[in-house]
């Protein structure tokens, strides 16, 4: 278990996040929704691996929601299924710290 925890912190296996939606809280049901990110790199960047024909806006929206839920600024969305490798950088606009020159 300790080994898995270390992998999650420094890049490795999936890290679950349990979250209750407002609708579930209003209905007073204890239903837990688990979000799973494929990889974390140094606890700063999430990596989502896909094997689909084409990355769609839905996949980008999902990655943005994961960034918001985990409080992470950057997500790298990688698709291995298309004719060539496709990737997108997705970021949480609310969490990005602007660089001061």
N, C-alpha and C. Protein backbone atom coordinates (compact mmCIF):
# COMPACT_ATOMS: atom_id res chain seq x y z
N UNK A 1 0.83 -1.20 0.00
CA UNK A 1 0.00 0.00 0.00
C UNK A 1 0.87 1.26 0.00
N UNK A 2 1.97 1.22 0.77
CA UNK A 2 2.86 2.38 0.84
C UNK A 2 3.50 2.64 -0.51
N UNK A 3 3.82 1.56 -1.24
CA UNK A 3 4.42 1.71 -2.55
C UNK A 3 3.44 2.39 -3.51
N UNK A 4 2.18 1.98 -3.48
CA UNK A 4 1.17 2.58 -4.35
C UNK A 4 0.99 4.05 -4.03
N UNK A 5 0.99 4.41 -2.74
CA UNK A 5 0.84 5.81 -2.34
C UNK A 5 1.99 6.63 -2.88
N UNK A 6 3.23 6.10 -2.81
CA UNK A 6 4.38 6.82 -3.33
C UNK A 6 4.27 7.00 -4.84
N UNK A 7 3.79 5.97 -5.57
CA UNK A 7 3.61 6.10 -7.01
C UNK A 7 2.62 7.19 -7.34
N UNK A 8 1.54 7.31 -6.57
CA UNK A 8 0.54 8.34 -6.81
C UNK A 8 1.12 9.73 -6.63
N UNK A 9 1.99 9.89 -5.67
CA UNK A 9 2.56 11.22 -5.40
C UNK A 9 3.57 11.63 -6.45
N UNK A 10 4.36 10.70 -6.98
CA UNK A 10 5.46 11.04 -7.87
C UNK A 10 5.20 10.66 -9.33
N UNK A 11 4.02 10.26 -9.64
CA UNK A 11 3.70 9.84 -11.01
C UNK A 11 3.52 8.34 -10.98
N UNK A 12 2.37 7.88 -11.42
CA UNK A 12 2.15 6.44 -11.39
C UNK A 12 0.70 6.12 -11.60
N UNK A 13 0.19 5.25 -10.78
CA UNK A 13 -1.15 4.72 -10.99
C UNK A 13 -2.25 5.73 -10.67
N UNK A 14 -3.50 5.29 -10.88
CA UNK A 14 -4.64 6.17 -10.73
C UNK A 14 -4.84 6.63 -9.30
N UNK A 15 -5.39 7.83 -9.15
CA UNK A 15 -5.66 8.42 -7.85
C UNK A 15 -7.14 8.76 -7.78
N UNK A 16 -7.93 8.06 -6.96
CA UNK A 16 -9.37 8.33 -6.92
C UNK A 16 -9.71 9.61 -6.15
N UNK A 17 -10.80 10.23 -6.54
CA UNK A 17 -11.33 11.40 -5.83
C UNK A 17 -12.81 11.16 -5.63
N UNK A 18 -13.25 11.18 -4.40
CA UNK A 18 -14.67 10.99 -4.13
C UNK A 18 -15.32 12.35 -4.00
N UNK A 19 -16.45 12.52 -4.67
CA UNK A 19 -17.09 13.82 -4.73
C UNK A 19 -18.61 13.62 -4.75
N UNK A 20 -19.33 14.40 -3.97
CA UNK A 20 -20.79 14.36 -3.99
C UNK A 20 -21.30 15.57 -4.74
N UNK A 21 -22.21 15.34 -5.68
CA UNK A 21 -22.77 16.44 -6.44
C UNK A 21 -23.81 17.17 -5.59
N UNK A 22 -24.14 18.40 -5.97
CA UNK A 22 -25.14 19.18 -5.24
C UNK A 22 -26.49 18.48 -5.27
N UNK A 23 -26.84 17.91 -6.42
CA UNK A 23 -28.13 17.22 -6.53
C UNK A 23 -28.19 16.06 -5.53
N UNK A 24 -27.11 15.33 -5.42
CA UNK A 24 -27.07 14.22 -4.47
C UNK A 24 -27.17 14.71 -3.02
N UNK A 25 -26.53 15.85 -2.73
CA UNK A 25 -26.62 16.40 -1.38
C UNK A 25 -28.03 16.88 -1.07
N UNK A 26 -28.68 17.49 -2.06
CA UNK A 26 -30.05 17.98 -1.85
C UNK A 26 -30.98 16.81 -1.58
N UNK A 27 -30.83 15.75 -2.32
CA UNK A 27 -31.68 14.58 -2.12
C UNK A 27 -31.29 13.79 -0.87
N UNK A 28 -30.21 14.20 -0.23
CA UNK A 28 -29.71 13.57 0.99
C UNK A 28 -29.41 12.09 0.79
N UNK A 29 -28.90 11.78 -0.37
CA UNK A 29 -28.45 10.42 -0.64
C UNK A 29 -26.94 10.41 -0.58
N UNK A 30 -26.41 9.39 0.01
CA UNK A 30 -24.96 9.29 0.17
C UNK A 30 -24.34 8.53 -1.01
N UNK A 31 -24.59 9.01 -2.21
CA UNK A 31 -24.02 8.38 -3.39
C UNK A 31 -22.67 9.05 -3.66
N UNK A 32 -21.63 8.24 -3.79
CA UNK A 32 -20.31 8.79 -4.04
C UNK A 32 -19.94 8.59 -5.51
N UNK A 33 -19.42 9.64 -6.10
CA UNK A 33 -18.95 9.59 -7.47
C UNK A 33 -17.43 9.55 -7.41
N UNK A 34 -16.84 8.58 -8.06
CA UNK A 34 -15.39 8.45 -8.03
C UNK A 34 -14.81 8.86 -9.38
N UNK A 35 -13.91 9.82 -9.36
CA UNK A 35 -13.20 10.26 -10.56
C UNK A 35 -11.83 9.60 -10.54
N UNK A 36 -11.38 9.11 -11.68
CA UNK A 36 -10.07 8.47 -11.73
C UNK A 36 -9.24 9.10 -12.85
N UNK A 37 -8.10 9.61 -12.47
CA UNK A 37 -7.15 10.18 -13.42
C UNK A 37 -6.13 9.09 -13.72
N UNK A 38 -5.71 8.97 -14.98
CA UNK A 38 -4.79 7.90 -15.36
C UNK A 38 -3.43 8.03 -14.67
N UNK A 39 -2.80 9.20 -14.74
CA UNK A 39 -1.49 9.40 -14.13
C UNK A 39 -1.36 10.81 -13.57
N UNK A 40 -0.55 10.93 -12.54
CA UNK A 40 -0.12 12.23 -12.03
C UNK A 40 1.40 12.28 -12.18
N UNK A 41 1.91 13.41 -12.62
CA UNK A 41 3.35 13.61 -12.74
C UNK A 41 3.77 14.62 -11.69
N UNK A 42 4.54 14.14 -10.73
CA UNK A 42 5.04 14.98 -9.64
C UNK A 42 3.94 15.74 -8.91
N UNK A 43 2.72 15.24 -8.95
CA UNK A 43 1.60 15.88 -8.26
C UNK A 43 1.20 17.22 -8.85
N UNK A 44 1.74 17.57 -10.02
CA UNK A 44 1.49 18.88 -10.63
C UNK A 44 0.72 18.80 -11.94
N UNK A 45 0.89 17.70 -12.68
CA UNK A 45 0.28 17.56 -14.00
C UNK A 45 -0.47 16.23 -14.06
N UNK A 46 -1.69 16.27 -14.56
CA UNK A 46 -2.45 15.06 -14.77
C UNK A 46 -2.27 14.63 -16.22
N UNK A 47 -2.25 13.31 -16.45
CA UNK A 47 -2.15 12.77 -17.80
C UNK A 47 -3.32 11.82 -18.00
N UNK A 48 -4.12 12.10 -19.02
CA UNK A 48 -5.26 11.27 -19.38
C UNK A 48 -4.95 10.56 -20.68
N UNK A 49 -4.98 9.25 -20.66
CA UNK A 49 -4.70 8.44 -21.84
C UNK A 49 -6.02 8.01 -22.47
N UNK A 50 -6.15 8.21 -23.78
CA UNK A 50 -7.35 7.82 -24.51
C UNK A 50 -6.96 6.92 -25.68
N UNK A 51 -7.88 6.06 -26.09
CA UNK A 51 -7.72 5.22 -27.28
C UNK A 51 -9.03 5.31 -28.06
N UNK A 52 -9.23 6.46 -28.68
CA UNK A 52 -10.47 6.75 -29.40
C UNK A 52 -10.12 7.28 -30.79
N UNK A 53 -11.10 7.31 -31.67
CA UNK A 53 -10.84 7.75 -33.04
C UNK A 53 -10.37 9.21 -33.10
N UNK A 54 -11.03 10.07 -32.32
CA UNK A 54 -10.69 11.50 -32.34
C UNK A 54 -11.03 12.12 -30.99
N UNK A 55 -10.17 13.03 -30.53
CA UNK A 55 -10.47 13.77 -29.30
C UNK A 55 -11.58 14.77 -29.59
N UNK A 56 -12.59 14.75 -28.76
CA UNK A 56 -13.74 15.63 -28.93
C UNK A 56 -13.77 16.66 -27.80
N UNK A 57 -14.64 17.66 -27.93
CA UNK A 57 -14.80 18.67 -26.89
C UNK A 57 -15.22 18.05 -25.57
N UNK A 58 -15.98 16.96 -25.64
CA UNK A 58 -16.41 16.25 -24.43
C UNK A 58 -15.21 15.78 -23.61
N UNK A 59 -14.19 15.26 -24.27
CA UNK A 59 -13.00 14.77 -23.58
C UNK A 59 -12.22 15.93 -22.95
N UNK A 60 -12.16 17.05 -23.64
CA UNK A 60 -11.50 18.24 -23.09
C UNK A 60 -12.26 18.75 -21.88
N UNK A 61 -13.59 18.77 -21.96
CA UNK A 61 -14.41 19.23 -20.84
C UNK A 61 -14.22 18.32 -19.63
N UNK A 62 -14.13 17.01 -19.86
CA UNK A 62 -13.90 16.07 -18.77
C UNK A 62 -12.55 16.35 -18.11
N UNK A 63 -11.53 16.59 -18.91
CA UNK A 63 -10.20 16.87 -18.38
C UNK A 63 -10.19 18.18 -17.58
N UNK A 64 -10.90 19.19 -18.05
CA UNK A 64 -10.99 20.46 -17.31
C UNK A 64 -11.69 20.23 -15.96
N UNK A 65 -12.76 19.45 -15.97
CA UNK A 65 -13.46 19.14 -14.72
C UNK A 65 -12.57 18.40 -13.74
N UNK A 66 -11.74 17.48 -14.24
CA UNK A 66 -10.80 16.77 -13.38
C UNK A 66 -9.79 17.76 -12.78
N UNK A 67 -9.30 18.70 -13.59
CA UNK A 67 -8.37 19.72 -13.09
C UNK A 67 -9.00 20.50 -11.95
N UNK A 68 -10.24 20.92 -12.13
CA UNK A 68 -10.94 21.68 -11.10
C UNK A 68 -11.15 20.84 -9.85
N UNK A 69 -11.57 19.59 -10.03
CA UNK A 69 -11.86 18.72 -8.88
C UNK A 69 -10.61 18.42 -8.05
N UNK A 70 -9.48 18.22 -8.72
CA UNK A 70 -8.23 17.89 -8.02
C UNK A 70 -7.43 19.13 -7.64
N UNK A 71 -7.82 20.31 -8.12
CA UNK A 71 -7.07 21.52 -7.82
C UNK A 71 -5.73 21.57 -8.53
N UNK A 72 -5.69 21.02 -9.73
CA UNK A 72 -4.46 20.96 -10.54
C UNK A 72 -4.61 21.93 -11.70
N UNK A 73 -3.52 22.57 -12.10
CA UNK A 73 -3.59 23.56 -13.17
C UNK A 73 -3.55 22.93 -14.56
N UNK A 74 -2.76 21.87 -14.76
CA UNK A 74 -2.52 21.33 -16.10
C UNK A 74 -2.93 19.88 -16.25
N UNK A 75 -3.43 19.55 -17.43
CA UNK A 75 -3.77 18.17 -17.79
C UNK A 75 -3.29 17.96 -19.22
N UNK A 76 -2.66 16.84 -19.45
CA UNK A 76 -2.22 16.47 -20.79
C UNK A 76 -3.12 15.33 -21.25
N UNK A 77 -3.85 15.56 -22.32
CA UNK A 77 -4.79 14.60 -22.88
C UNK A 77 -4.13 13.97 -24.10
N UNK A 78 -3.88 12.65 -24.05
CA UNK A 78 -3.15 11.96 -25.12
C UNK A 78 -4.04 10.88 -25.72
N UNK A 79 -4.12 10.87 -27.06
CA UNK A 79 -4.91 9.86 -27.77
C UNK A 79 -3.98 9.04 -28.66
N UNK A 80 -3.99 7.72 -28.46
CA UNK A 80 -3.13 6.82 -29.22
C UNK A 80 -3.83 6.11 -30.37
N UNK A 81 -5.13 6.32 -30.55
CA UNK A 81 -5.88 5.50 -31.50
C UNK A 81 -5.94 6.07 -32.91
N UNK A 82 -5.84 7.34 -33.09
CA UNK A 82 -6.00 7.97 -34.41
C UNK A 82 -4.89 7.57 -35.38
N UNK A 83 -4.90 8.20 -36.55
CA UNK A 83 -3.88 7.91 -37.56
C UNK A 83 -2.49 8.26 -37.07
N UNK A 84 -2.42 9.30 -36.24
CA UNK A 84 -1.15 9.67 -35.62
C UNK A 84 -1.43 10.07 -34.17
N UNK A 85 -0.40 10.12 -33.38
CA UNK A 85 -0.53 10.51 -31.98
C UNK A 85 -1.13 11.91 -31.88
N UNK A 86 -2.13 12.07 -31.05
CA UNK A 86 -2.79 13.36 -30.87
C UNK A 86 -2.75 13.72 -29.40
N UNK A 87 -2.44 14.96 -29.10
CA UNK A 87 -2.44 15.38 -27.70
C UNK A 87 -2.91 16.82 -27.58
N UNK A 88 -3.46 17.12 -26.43
CA UNK A 88 -3.93 18.47 -26.14
C UNK A 88 -3.52 18.83 -24.72
N UNK A 89 -3.11 20.05 -24.53
CA UNK A 89 -2.88 20.57 -23.18
C UNK A 89 -4.17 21.24 -22.74
N UNK A 90 -4.66 20.82 -21.61
CA UNK A 90 -5.88 21.38 -21.06
C UNK A 90 -5.50 21.99 -19.71
N UNK A 91 -6.06 23.15 -19.41
CA UNK A 91 -5.71 23.76 -18.14
C UNK A 91 -6.92 24.35 -17.44
N UNK A 92 -6.79 24.44 -16.15
CA UNK A 92 -7.81 25.00 -15.26
C UNK A 92 -7.55 26.50 -15.18
N UNK A 93 -8.35 27.30 -15.84
CA UNK A 93 -8.15 28.76 -15.89
C UNK A 93 -8.17 29.39 -14.50
N UNK A 94 -8.93 28.79 -13.58
CA UNK A 94 -9.02 29.34 -12.22
C UNK A 94 -7.80 29.03 -11.37
N UNK A 95 -6.96 28.12 -11.83
CA UNK A 95 -5.83 27.69 -11.01
C UNK A 95 -4.48 28.12 -11.58
N UNK A 96 -4.46 28.66 -12.78
CA UNK A 96 -3.21 29.05 -13.41
C UNK A 96 -2.72 30.35 -12.78
N UNK A 97 -1.46 30.36 -12.38
CA UNK A 97 -0.85 31.55 -11.79
C UNK A 97 -0.11 32.31 -12.89
N UNK A 98 -0.51 33.53 -13.18
CA UNK A 98 0.16 34.28 -14.26
C UNK A 98 1.61 34.60 -13.90
N UNK A 99 2.48 34.52 -14.91
CA UNK A 99 3.89 34.85 -14.71
C UNK A 99 4.07 36.36 -14.77
N UNK A 100 4.80 36.89 -13.81
CA UNK A 100 5.08 38.33 -13.75
C UNK A 100 6.45 38.55 -14.35
N UNK A 101 6.54 39.48 -15.32
CA UNK A 101 7.83 39.75 -15.98
C UNK A 101 8.54 40.88 -15.30
